[in-house]
């Protein structure tokens, strides 16, 4: 998966795993909150990849997903 970075500290087994998905549009973030859309597919794939690599257990460990909203492009006439 391009654009997906993970940080996994090896010191503590209960420390959270942070997955940064980068900047995406507002609509994609809204769909992710509802549990659907292409970003949710990326999250599922990333979790499966972490499970198969043995980084996380199949049962439970906190995972933090970071997605930033892309800035809107403003036209020449803001307000119209």
Foldseek 3Di string as FASTA:
>chain_A
DPQWDWDADPPDQQDEIEIENEEDAPVQVVQVVVCDDDVNVVVVVVVVVCCVVVSHDPPDHHYHYDYHYDDDDDDPDPPD
